[in-house]
Amino acid sequence: MNYNQRNFSVKAFIMKKELATVFLVLLGCGAVLSQQTNDGWKNMFNGTNLEGWTTKIHHYEVNDNYGDTFRAEDGMIKVRYDNYEGQFNDRFGHLYYNQPYSDFHLVMEYRFVGELFPGAPEYTLKNSGIMFHSQDPRTMLKEQDWPISVEMQFLAGIEEGKKRPTGNMCSPGTDVVYQGKIDPRHCISSSSDTYFGDQWVTAELIVLHDSLVTHIINGKTVLQYTKPQIGGGVVNGYDPKQKVDGKPLKEGLIALQSEGQPIDFKNIKIRNLKGCMDPKAINYKAYYKVADNNSCEYE
């Protein structure tokens, strides 16, 4: 091999090495970007079974999932009534995620399917929702109909040309401050569009303890309110010790609702928004909104 050939080979080797280094750096950046995009998001549903969730249905004890009301099928959580006997008889049910949250960003998709079960109240037609800051079902009496909680209500259109927004707020045993004062209404309508049929709708809920609550539908903010607290009516059959009117609701459980209308839920994810906000800490996260600097860890 002469000098020129050897020099060319060395340059080629160096170039290959540099290209490999650039590729690894880009790959690493991609991995970092991917990790940052998904960092903090947790799947609440494992896609296979209801492990990590607890059922409470009106007239039944905790963990009695009567009629297989809540079921894991096809990678979704489905609400169905095909195993029910007799009329609906106010068998309102809720499926609770076992971990409580105070500050969080929740994302899910839902769609209404099938027909309203016979005997279910007319207002539950294409009506469901998700409860948050809810009391633990183990503190509910057998004949308590709803959990003391705040609800992000899901509705679908029924009549063409008639608005029926989704992502509303309902307040079983609670109150919220809306437009500067406690609103006496049980439900406050959002500004969302009306969605008909069995189309998938993406719902997001951002909750900052007993401060600001934001409802988002298909990427659009449709409702905001503040200061969720125990109060108001609607809930029946509860243990009086659980309803301390005026008590701020700073945290609680999250629950999917069953009211007589079949519905599917999928892609249920949550991101905790409370944690170490000191950039010098190794467990700092840029997406945290509420500081818990006692949890900070340092090298």
C-alpha atoms as a PDB file:
ATOM      1  CA  MET A   1       0.000   0.000   0.000  1.00  0.00           C
ATOM      2  CA  ASN A   2       1.476   3.390  -0.928  1.00  0.00           C
ATOM      3  CA  TYR A   3       1.291   6.572   1.134  1.00  0.00           C
ATOM      4  CA  ASN A   4      -1.802   7.987  -0.644  1.00  0.00           C
ATOM      5  CA  GLN A   5      -3.748   4.744  -0.268  1.00  0.00           C
ATOM      6  CA  ARG A   6      -2.872   4.496   3.398  1.00  0.00           C
ATOM      7  CA  ASN A   7      -3.824   8.156   3.985  1.00  0.00           C
ATOM      8  CA  PHE A   8      -7.175   7.600   2.240  1.00  0.00           C
ATOM      9  CA  SER A   9      -7.888   4.520   4.372  1.00  0.00           C
ATOM     10  CA  VAL A  10      -7.133   6.401   7.577  1.00  0.00           C
ATOM     11  CA  LYS A  11      -9.415   9.265   6.522  1.00  0.00           C
ATOM     12  CA  ALA A  12     -12.182   6.817   5.617  1.00  0.00           C
ATOM     13  CA  PHE A  13     -11.851   5.099   8.986  1.00  0.00           C
ATOM     14  CA  ILE A  14     -12.013   8.429  10.813  1.00  0.00           C
ATOM     15  CA  MET A  15     -15.046   9.506   8.762  1.00  0.00           C
ATOM     16  CA  LYS A  16     -16.899   6.258   9.543  1.00  0.00           C
ATOM     17  CA  LYS A  17     -16.131   6.677  13.217  1.00  0.00           C
ATOM     18  CA  GLU A  18     -17.370  10.278  13.206  1.00  0.00           C
ATOM     19  CA  LEU A  19     -20.564   9.286  11.361  1.00  0.00           C
ATOM     20  CA  ALA A  20     -21.165   6.499  13.865  1.00  0.00           C
ATOM     21  CA  THR A  21     -20.684   8.977  16.709  1.00  0.00           C
ATOM     22  CA  VAL A  22     -23.139  11.432  15.121  1.00  0.00           C
ATOM     23  CA  PHE A  23     -25.660   8.612  14.631  1.00  0.00           C
ATOM     24  CA  LEU A  24     -25.371   7.576  18.276  1.00  0.00           C
ATOM     25  CA  VAL A  25     -25.754  11.184  19.422  1.00  0.00           C
ATOM     26  CA  LEU A  26     -28.854  11.638  17.258  1.00  0.00           C
ATOM     27  CA  LEU A  27     -30.233   8.348  18.462  1.00  0.00           C
ATOM     28  CA  GLY A  28     -29.593   9.403  22.012  1.00  0.00           C
ATOM     29  CA  CYS A  29     -31.309  12.731  21.428  1.00  0.00           C
ATOM     30  CA  GLY A  30     -34.267  10.923  19.963  1.00  0.00           C
ATOM     31  CA  ALA A  31     -34.432   8.685  23.003  1.00  0.00           C
ATOM     32  CA  VAL A  32     -34.257  11.712  25.284  1.00  0.00           C
ATOM     33  CA  LEU A  33     -36.946  13.518  23.324  1.00  0.00           C
ATOM     34  CA  SER A  34     -39.122  10.431  23.421  1.00  0.00           C
ATOM     35  CA  GLN A  35     -38.581  10.087  27.145  1.00  0.00           C
ATOM     36  CA  GLN A  36     -39.377  13.753  27.718  1.00  0.00           C
ATOM     37  CA  THR A  37     -42.545  13.478  25.649  1.00  0.00           C
ATOM     38  CA  ASN A  38     -43.807  10.563  27.696  1.00  0.00           C
ATOM     39  CA  ASP A  39     -42.131  11.397  30.980  1.00  0.00           C
ATOM     40  CA  GLY A  40     -44.484  11.210  33.907  1.00  0.00           C
ATOM     41  CA  TRP A  41     -47.451   9.716  32.069  1.00  0.00           C
ATOM     42  CA  LYS A  42     -48.861   6.586  33.671  1.00  0.00           C
ATOM     43  CA  ASN A  43     -51.333   4.134  32.164  1.00  0.00           C
ATOM     44  CA  MET A  44     -54.145   3.682  34.678  1.00  0.00           C
ATOM     45  CA  PHE A  45     -55.557   0.673  32.824  1.00  0.00           C
ATOM     46  CA  ASN A  46     -53.327  -2.292  31.984  1.00  0.00           C
ATOM     47  CA  GLY A  47     -55.464  -3.269  28.985  1.00  0.00           C
ATOM     48  CA  THR A  48     -56.150  -6.765  30.299  1.00  0.00           C
ATOM     49  CA  ASN A  49     -58.060  -6.694  33.599  1.00  0.00           C
ATOM     50  CA  LEU A  50     -59.317  -4.344  36.306  1.00  0.00           C
ATOM     51  CA  GLU A  51     -56.366  -4.826  38.630  1.00  0.00           C
ATOM     52  CA  GLY A  52     -55.800  -1.618  40.584  1.00  0.00           C
ATOM     53  CA  TRP A  53     -59.471  -0.621  40.461  1.00  0.00           C
ATOM     54  CA  THR A  54     -62.348  -1.050  42.967  1.00  0.00           C
ATOM     55  CA  THR A  55     -66.062  -1.277  42.182  1.00  0.00           C
ATOM     56  CA  LYS A  56     -68.974   0.174  44.176  1.00  0.00           C
ATOM     57  CA  ILE A  57     -72.528  -0.124  42.840  1.00  0.00           C
ATOM     58  CA  HIS A  58     -75.578   1.308  44.583  1.00  0.00           C
ATOM     59  CA  HIS A  59     -77.417  -1.414  46.596  1.00  0.00           C
ATOM     60  CA  TYR A  60     -74.295  -3.632  46.637  1.00  0.00           C
ATOM     61  CA  GLU A  61     -71.215  -3.960  48.795  1.00  0.00           C
ATOM     62  CA  VAL A  62     -67.785  -2.661  47.780  1.00  0.00           C
ATOM     63  CA  ASN A  63     -66.070  -4.940  45.216  1.00  0.00           C
ATOM     64  CA  ASP A  64     -69.367  -6.513  44.074  1.00  0.00           C
ATOM     65  CA  ASN A  65     -69.168  -5.811  40.339  1.00  0.00           C
ATOM     66  CA  TYR A  66     -72.791  -6.806  39.828  1.00  0.00           C
ATOM     67  CA  GLY A  67     -73.563  -8.222  36.388  1.00  0.00           C
ATOM     68  CA  ASP A  68     -69.982  -7.665  35.270  1.00  0.00           C
ATOM     69  CA  THR A  69     -70.932  -4.003  34.859  1.00  0.00           C
ATOM     70  CA  PHE A  70     -67.329  -2.890  34.450  1.00  0.00           C
ATOM     71  CA  ARG A  71     -65.271  -5.179  32.256  1.00  0.00           C
ATOM     72  CA  ALA A  72     -61.897  -5.218  30.507  1.00  0.00           C
ATOM     73  CA  GLU A  73     -62.359  -6.178  26.859  1.00  0.00           C
ATOM     74  CA  ASP A  74     -60.606  -5.345  23.593  1.00  0.00           C
ATOM     75  CA  GLY A  75     -58.068  -3.136  25.358  1.00  0.00           C
ATOM     76  CA  MET A  76     -60.839  -0.955  26.800  1.00  0.00           C
ATOM     77  CA  ILE A  77     -62.839  -0.580  29.984  1.00  0.00           C
ATOM     78  CA  LYS A  78     -66.438  -1.193  29.000  1.00  0.00           C
ATOM     79  CA  VAL A  79     -69.639  -0.471  30.909  1.00  0.00           C
ATOM     80  CA  ARG A  80     -72.372  -2.973  30.027  1.00  0.00           C
ATOM     81  CA  TYR A  81     -75.729  -4.159  31.385  1.00  0.00           C
ATOM     82  CA  ASP A  82     -76.452  -7.333  29.401  1.00  0.00           C
ATOM     83  CA  ASN A  83     -76.237  -9.432  32.594  1.00  0.00           C
ATOM     84  CA  TYR A  84     -78.667  -7.274  34.579  1.00  0.00           C
ATOM     85  CA  GLU A  85     -81.970  -8.709  35.758  1.00  0.00           C
ATOM     86  CA  GLY A  86     -85.153  -6.649  36.065  1.00  0.00           C
ATOM     87  CA  GLN A  87     -85.247  -2.884  35.761  1.00  0.00           C
ATOM     88  CA  PHE A  88     -82.268  -0.646  36.386  1.00  0.00           C
ATOM     89  CA  ASN A  89     -83.412   0.234  39.927  1.00  0.00           C
ATOM     90  CA  ASP A  90     -80.927   3.106  40.350  1.00  0.00           C
ATOM     91  CA  ARG A  91     -77.957   0.759  40.283  1.00  0.00           C
ATOM     92  CA  PHE A  92     -75.557   3.626  39.695  1.00  0.00           C
ATOM     93  CA  GLY A  93     -71.993   2.382  39.763  1.00  0.00           C
ATOM     94  CA  HIS A  94     -68.438   3.658  39.895  1.00  0.00           C
ATOM     95  CA  LEU A  95     -65.078   2.074  39.197  1.00  0.00           C
ATOM     96  CA  TYR A  96     -62.409   3.671  41.388  1.00  0.00           C
ATOM     97  CA  TYR A  97     -58.708   3.841  40.661  1.00  0.00           C
ATOM     98  CA  ASN A  98     -57.062   2.827  43.921  1.00  0.00           C
ATOM     99  CA  GLN A  99     -54.406   5.554  44.083  1.00  0.00           C
ATOM    100  CA  PRO A 100     -55.516   8.997  45.293  1.00  0.00           C
ATOM    101  CA  TYR A 101     -54.293  12.161  43.571  1.00  0.00           C
ATOM    102  CA  SER A 102     -54.267  15.843  44.504  1.00  0.00           C
ATOM    103  CA  ASP A 103     -52.640  17.551  41.510  1.00  0.00           C
ATOM    104  CA  PHE A 104     -52.830  15.819  38.155  1.00  0.00           C
ATOM    105  CA  HIS A 105     -53.450  15.886  34.416  1.00  0.00           C
ATOM    106  CA  LEU A 106     -55.788  13.122  33.260  1.00  0.00           C
ATOM    107  CA  VAL A 107     -56.383  12.154  29.625  1.00  0.00           C
ATOM    108  CA  MET A 108     -58.792   9.571  28.213  1.00  0.00           C
ATOM    109  CA  GLU A 109     -61.026   8.773  25.282  1.00  0.00           C
ATOM    110  CA  TYR A 110     -64.674   7.753  25.560  1.00  0.00           C
ATOM    111  CA  ARG A 111     -67.561   6.830  23.296  1.00  0.00           C
ATOM    112  CA  PHE A 112     -71.214   6.038  23.906  1.00  0.00           C
ATOM    113  CA  VAL A 113     -72.527   2.780  22.458  1.00  0.00           C
ATOM    114  CA  GLY A 114     -75.758   0.786  22.520  1.00  0.00           C
ATOM    115  CA  GLU A 115     -79.066   1.658  24.136  1.00  0.00           C
ATOM    116  CA  LEU A 116     -80.038   2.998  27.555  1.00  0.00           C
ATOM    117  CA  PHE A 117     -80.910   0.134  29.898  1.00  0.00           C
ATOM    118  CA  PRO A 118     -84.673  -0.143  30.638  1.00  0.00           C
ATOM    119  CA  GLY A 119     -85.701   1.729  33.748  1.00  0.00           C
ATOM    120  CA  ALA A 120     -82.639   3.981  33.877  1.00  0.00           C
ATOM    121  CA  PRO A 121     -83.564   7.655  34.387  1.00  0.00           C
ATOM    122  CA  GLU A 122     -84.184   9.559  31.169  1.00  0.00           C
ATOM    123  CA  TYR A 123     -81.447  12.072  31.994  1.00  0.00           C
ATOM    124  CA  THR A 124     -78.850   9.274  31.890  1.00  0.00           C
ATOM    125  CA  LEU A 125     -79.355   8.769  28.144  1.00  0.00           C
ATOM    126  CA  LYS A 126     -75.884   9.141  26.567  1.00  0.00           C
ATOM    127  CA  ASN A 127     -74.682  10.390  29.925  1.00  0.00           C
ATOM    128  CA  SER A 128     -71.655   9.292  31.933  1.00  0.00           C
ATOM    129  CA  GLY A 129     -68.567  10.853  33.425  1.00  0.00           C
ATOM    130  CA  ILE A 130     -65.518  10.651  35.598  1.00  0.00           C
ATOM    131  CA  MET A 131     -65.482  11.526  39.285  1.00  0.00           C
ATOM    132  CA  PHE A 132     -62.458  13.078  40.983  1.00  0.00           C
ATOM    133  CA  HIS A 133     -61.487  14.141  44.500  1.00  0.00           C
ATOM    134  CA  SER A 134     -63.890  11.351  45.429  1.00  0.00           C
ATOM    135  CA  GLN A 135     -64.356   9.736  48.812  1.00  0.00           C
ATOM    136  CA  ASP A 136     -63.041   6.195  49.117  1.00  0.00           C
ATOM    137  CA  PRO A 137     -65.793   3.647  48.286  1.00  0.00           C
ATOM    138  CA  ARG A 138     -64.949   1.856  51.532  1.00  0.00           C
ATOM    139  CA  THR A 139     -66.356   4.886  53.371  1.00  0.00           C
ATOM    140  CA  MET A 140     -69.648   4.659  51.479  1.00  0.00           C
ATOM    141  CA  LEU A 141     -72.709   2.972  52.908  1.00  0.00           C
ATOM    142  CA  LYS A 142     -74.359   0.197  50.894  1.00  0.00           C
ATOM    143  CA  GLU A 143     -77.332   2.422  50.020  1.00  0.00           C
ATOM    144  CA  GLN A 144     -75.346   5.564  49.163  1.00  0.00           C
ATOM    145  CA  ASP A 145     -76.159   6.404  45.550  1.00  0.00           C
ATOM    146  CA  TRP A 146     -73.259   8.661  44.543  1.00  0.00           C
ATOM    147  CA  PRO A 147     -69.811   9.271  45.977  1.00  0.00           C
ATOM    148  CA  ILE A 148     -69.131  12.686  47.466  1.00  0.00           C
ATOM    149  CA  SER A 149     -66.976  14.002  44.645  1.00  0.00           C
ATOM    150  CA  VAL A 150     -66.768  16.357  41.672  1.00  0.00           C
ATOM    151  CA  GLU A 151     -67.724  15.031  38.248  1.00  0.00           C
ATOM    152  CA  MET A 152     -66.509  15.834  34.763  1.00  0.00           C
ATOM    153  CA  GLN A 153     -69.729  14.895  33.002  1.00  0.00           C
ATOM    154  CA  PHE A 154     -69.801  13.353  29.530  1.00  0.00           C
ATOM    155  CA  LEU A 155     -72.844  13.835  27.297  1.00  0.00           C
ATOM    156  CA  ALA A 156     -73.615  13.143  23.641  1.00  0.00           C
ATOM    157  CA  GLY A 157     -76.085  14.824  21.327  1.00  0.00           C
ATOM    158  CA  ILE A 158     -79.607  13.392  21.076  1.00  0.00           C
ATOM    159  CA  GLU A 159     -81.489  15.720  18.720  1.00  0.00           C
ATOM    160  CA  GLU A 160     -79.946  17.270  15.614  1.00  0.00           C
ATOM    161  CA  GLY A 161     -79.781  21.029  15.950  1.00  0.00           C
ATOM    162  CA  LYS A 162     -80.050  20.919  19.747  1.00  0.00           C
ATOM    163  CA  LYS A 163     -76.883  21.653  21.704  1.00  0.00           C
ATOM    164  CA  ARG A 164     -75.792  19.209  24.357  1.00  0.00           C
ATOM    165  CA  PRO A 165     -72.235  20.059  25.418  1.00  0.00           C
ATOM    166  CA  THR A 166     -69.889  17.589  27.092  1.00  0.00           C
ATOM    167  CA  GLY A 167     -67.150  18.099  29.670  1.00  0.00           C
ATOM    168  CA  ASN A 168     -69.585  19.744  32.078  1.00  0.00           C
ATOM    169  CA  MET A 169     -69.203  19.962  35.875  1.00  0.00           C
ATOM    170  CA  CYS A 170     -71.610  18.198  38.230  1.00  0.00           C
ATOM    171  CA  SER A 171     -71.346  18.244  42.006  1.00  0.00           C
ATOM    172  CA  PRO A 172     -72.723  15.282  44.014  1.00  0.00           C
ATOM    173  CA  GLY A 173     -72.346  16.385  47.634  1.00  0.00           C
ATOM    174  CA  THR A 174     -69.967  19.180  46.670  1.00  0.00           C
ATOM    175  CA  ASP A 175     -69.755  22.846  45.682  1.00  0.00           C
ATOM    176  CA  VAL A 176     -67.408  24.789  43.404  1.00  0.00           C
ATOM    177  CA  VAL A 177     -66.642  28.448  42.902  1.00  0.00           C
ATOM    178  CA  TYR A 178     -67.574  29.561  39.394  1.00  0.00           C
ATOM    179  CA  GLN A 179     -67.166  33.124  38.121  1.00  0.00           C
ATOM    180  CA  GLY A 180     -66.169  34.331  41.568  1.00  0.00           C
ATOM    181  CA  LYS A 181     -68.846  32.736  43.754  1.00  0.00           C
ATOM    182  CA  ILE A 182     -70.182  29.377  44.875  1.00  0.00           C
ATOM    183  CA  ASP A 183     -72.552  28.239  42.138  1.00  0.00           C
ATOM    184  CA  PRO A 184     -75.775  26.680  43.466  1.00  0.00           C
ATOM    185  CA  ARG A 185     -76.381  24.629  40.320  1.00  0.00           C
ATOM    186  CA  HIS A 186     -75.756  20.887  40.462  1.00  0.00           C
ATOM    187  CA  CYS A 187     -74.307  20.989  36.932  1.00  0.00           C
ATOM    188  CA  ILE A 188     -72.532  23.763  35.035  1.00  0.00           C
ATOM    189  CA  SER A 189     -72.459  23.434  31.257  1.00  0.00           C
ATOM    190  CA  SER A 190     -69.224  23.731  29.327  1.00  0.00           C
ATOM    191  CA  SER A 191     -68.655  25.582  26.059  1.00  0.00           C
ATOM    192  CA  SER A 192     -67.861  22.398  24.098  1.00  0.00           C
ATOM    193  CA  ASP A 193     -69.283  21.357  20.778  1.00  0.00           C
ATOM    194  CA  THR A 194     -72.004  18.698  20.656  1.00  0.00           C
ATOM    195  CA  TYR A 195     -70.838  15.230  19.621  1.00  0.00           C
ATOM    196  CA  PHE A 196     -73.285  12.729  18.165  1.00  0.00           C
ATOM    197  CA  GLY A 197     -73.205   8.983  17.681  1.00  0.00           C
ATOM    198  CA  ASP A 198     -70.479   6.628  18.812  1.00  0.00           C
ATOM    199  CA  GLN A 199     -67.480   8.775  17.874  1.00  0.00           C
ATOM    200  CA  TRP A 200     -64.473   8.805  20.196  1.00  0.00           C
ATOM    201  CA  VAL A 201     -64.049  12.011  22.190  1.00  0.00           C
ATOM    202  CA  THR A 202     -60.836  12.973  24.003  1.00  0.00           C
ATOM    203  CA  ALA A 203     -61.361  14.394  27.476  1.00  0.00           C
ATOM    204  CA  GLU A 204     -58.666  16.005  29.614  1.00  0.00           C
ATOM    205  CA  LEU A 205     -58.910  17.083  33.216  1.00  0.00           C
ATOM    206  CA  ILE A 206     -56.299  19.257  34.938  1.00  0.00           C
ATOM    207  CA  VAL A 207     -56.763  19.517  38.696  1.00  0.00           C
ATOM    208  CA  LEU A 208     -54.639  21.568  41.096  1.00  0.00           C
ATOM    209  CA  HIS A 209     -55.718  20.363  44.570  1.00  0.00           C
ATOM    210  CA  ASP A 210     -58.500  22.708  45.853  1.00  0.00           C
ATOM    211  CA  SER A 211     -57.438  25.496  43.487  1.00  0.00           C
ATOM    212  CA  LEU A 212     -58.017  25.611  39.735  1.00  0.00           C
ATOM    213  CA  VAL A 213     -59.805  22.872  37.768  1.00  0.00           C
ATOM    214  CA  THR A 214     -59.743  22.836  33.944  1.00  0.00           C
ATOM    215  CA  HIS A 215     -61.869  20.725  31.576  1.00  0.00           C
ATOM    216  CA  ILE A 216     -60.583  20.166  28.027  1.00  0.00           C
ATOM    217  CA  ILE A 217     -62.477  18.446  25.182  1.00  0.00           C
ATOM    218  CA  ASN A 218     -60.692  17.479  21.950  1.00  0.00           C
ATOM    219  CA  GLY A 219     -57.890  19.902  22.772  1.00  0.00           C
ATOM    220  CA  LYS A 220     -60.128  22.886  23.602  1.00  0.00           C
ATOM    221  CA  THR A 221     -60.522  24.339  27.108  1.00  0.00           C
ATOM    222  CA  VAL A 222     -64.269  24.326  27.734  1.00  0.00           C
ATOM    223  CA  LEU A 223     -64.685  25.023  31.468  1.00  0.00           C
ATOM    224  CA  GLN A 224     -62.721  26.296  34.463  1.00  0.00           C
ATOM    225  CA  TYR A 225     -63.681  26.710  38.108  1.00  0.00           C
ATOM    226  CA  THR A 226     -62.026  26.823  41.513  1.00  0.00           C
ATOM    227  CA  LYS A 227     -62.207  25.759  45.161  1.00  0.00           C
ATOM    228  CA  PRO A 228     -63.995  22.375  45.048  1.00  0.00           C
ATOM    229  CA  GLN A 229     -65.376  21.651  48.502  1.00  0.00           C
ATOM    230  CA  ILE A 230     -67.852  19.428  50.283  1.00  0.00           C
ATOM    231  CA  GLY A 231     -71.374  20.856  50.320  1.00  0.00           C
ATOM    232  CA  GLY A 232     -74.631  20.924  48.397  1.00  0.00           C
ATOM    233  CA  GLY A 233     -77.083  18.081  47.948  1.00  0.00           C
ATOM    234  CA  VAL A 234     -77.896  15.279  45.475  1.00  0.00           C
ATOM    235  CA  VAL A 235     -76.011  12.562  47.408  1.00  0.00           C
ATOM    236  CA  ASN A 236     -78.270  10.294  49.464  1.00  0.00           C
ATOM    237  CA  GLY A 237     -77.738   7.520  51.997  1.00  0.00           C
ATOM    238  CA  TYR A 238     -74.284   8.667  53.097  1.00  0.00           C
ATOM    239  CA  ASP A 239     -72.557   8.438  56.457  1.00  0.00           C
ATOM    240  CA  PRO A 240     -72.951  11.947  58.004  1.00  0.00           C
ATOM    241  CA  LYS A 241     -69.347  11.819  59.208  1.00  0.00           C
ATOM    242  CA  GLN A 242     -68.233  11.852  55.554  1.00  0.00           C
ATOM    243  CA  LYS A 243     -70.080  15.030  54.593  1.00  0.00           C
ATOM    244  CA  VAL A 244     -68.448  17.968  56.336  1.00  0.00           C
ATOM    245  CA  ASP A 245     -69.830  20.910  54.388  1.00  0.00           C
ATOM    246  CA  GLY A 246     -67.277  23.597  53.597  1.00  0.00           C
ATOM    247  CA  LYS A 247     -64.287  21.255  53.845  1.00  0.00           C
ATOM    248  CA  PRO A 248     -61.922  21.887  50.899  1.00  0.00           C
ATOM    249  CA  LEU A 249     -61.440  18.948  48.563  1.00  0.00           C
ATOM    250  CA  LYS A 250     -57.691  18.795  48.050  1.00  0.00           C
ATOM    251  CA  GLU A 251     -57.349  15.200  46.900  1.00  0.00           C
ATOM    252  CA  GLY A 252     -59.231  11.949  46.463  1.00  0.00           C
ATOM    253  CA  LEU A 253     -59.887   9.028  44.177  1.00  0.00           C
ATOM    254  CA  ILE A 254     -60.781   9.024  40.476  1.00  0.00           C
ATOM    255  CA  ALA A 255     -63.713   6.913  39.260  1.00  0.00           C
ATOM    256  CA  LEU A 256     -65.395   5.989  35.983  1.00  0.00           C
ATOM    257  CA  GLN A 257     -69.171   6.179  36.047  1.00  0.00           C
ATOM    258  CA  SER A 258     -72.027   3.797  35.225  1.00  0.00           C
ATOM    259  CA  GLU A 259     -75.538   5.271  34.986  1.00  0.00           C
ATOM    260  CA  GLY A 260     -77.412   2.866  32.703  1.00  0.00           C
ATOM    261  CA  GLN A 261     -75.871   3.945  29.396  1.00  0.00           C
ATOM    262  CA  PRO A 262     -73.246   1.633  27.825  1.00  0.00           C
ATOM    263  CA  ILE A 263     -69.938   3.408  27.276  1.00  0.00           C
ATOM    264  CA  ASP A 264     -66.317   2.571  26.423  1.00  0.00           C
ATOM    265  CA  PHE A 265     -63.171   4.134  27.898  1.00  0.00           C
ATOM    266  CA  LYS A 266     -59.649   3.768  26.500  1.00  0.00           C
ATOM    267  CA  ASN A 267     -56.164   5.291  26.628  1.00  0.00           C
ATOM    268  CA  ILE A 268     -56.645   6.341  30.249  1.00  0.00           C
ATOM    269  CA  LYS A 269     -53.467   8.094  31.378  1.00  0.00           C
ATOM    270  CA  ILE A 270     -52.510  10.344  34.249  1.00  0.00           C
ATOM    271  CA  ARG A 271     -49.565  12.548  35.075  1.00  0.00           C
ATOM    272  CA  ASN A 272     -48.840  13.679  38.612  1.00  0.00           C
ATOM    273  CA  LEU A 273     -48.305  17.455  38.715  1.00  0.00           C
ATOM    274  CA  LYS A 274     -46.984  17.720  42.275  1.00  0.00           C
ATOM    275  CA  GLY A 275     -43.330  17.180  43.082  1.00  0.00           C
ATOM    276  CA  CYS A 276     -39.858  18.656  43.395  1.00  0.00           C
ATOM    277  CA  MET A 277     -39.592  21.972  41.545  1.00  0.00           C
ATOM    278  CA  ASP A 278     -35.952  22.712  42.362  1.00  0.00           C
ATOM    279  CA  PRO A 279     -34.007  22.411  39.057  1.00  0.00           C
ATOM    280  CA  LYS A 280     -30.909  21.428  41.017  1.00  0.00           C
ATOM    281  CA  ALA A 281     -32.565  18.254  42.320  1.00  0.00           C
ATOM    282  CA  ILE A 282     -32.194  14.945  40.494  1.00  0.00           C
ATOM    283  CA  ASN A 283     -35.945  14.308  40.672  1.00  0.00           C
ATOM    284  CA  TYR A 284     -36.947  17.731  39.302  1.00  0.00           C
ATOM    285  CA  LYS A 285     -39.567  17.636  36.543  1.00  0.00           C
ATOM    286  CA  ALA A 286     -40.318  20.624  34.341  1.00  0.00           C
ATOM    287  CA  TYR A 287     -44.008  19.698  34.102  1.00  0.00           C
ATOM    288  CA  TYR A 288     -44.675  19.912  37.853  1.00  0.00           C
ATOM    289  CA  LYS A 289     -47.144  22.684  38.700  1.00  0.00           C
ATOM    290  CA  VAL A 290     -47.317  22.348  42.489  1.00  0.00           C
ATOM    291  CA  ALA A 291     -44.183  22.355  44.619  1.00  0.00           C
ATOM    292  CA  ASP A 292     -43.409  19.576  47.065  1.00  0.00           C
ATOM    293  CA  ASN A 293     -39.788  20.439  47.720  1.00  0.00           C
ATOM    294  CA  ASN A 294     -39.634  18.204  50.764  1.00  0.00           C
ATOM    295  CA  SER A 295     -39.494  15.391  48.214  1.00  0.00           C
ATOM    296  CA  CYS A 296     -36.403  16.806  46.482  1.00  0.00           C
ATOM    297  CA  GLU A 297     -33.414  14.497  46.150  1.00  0.00           C
ATOM    298  CA  TYR A 298     -29.840  15.591  45.569  1.00  0.00           C
ATOM    299  CA  GLU A 299     -26.640  13.818  44.601  1.00  0.00           C
END
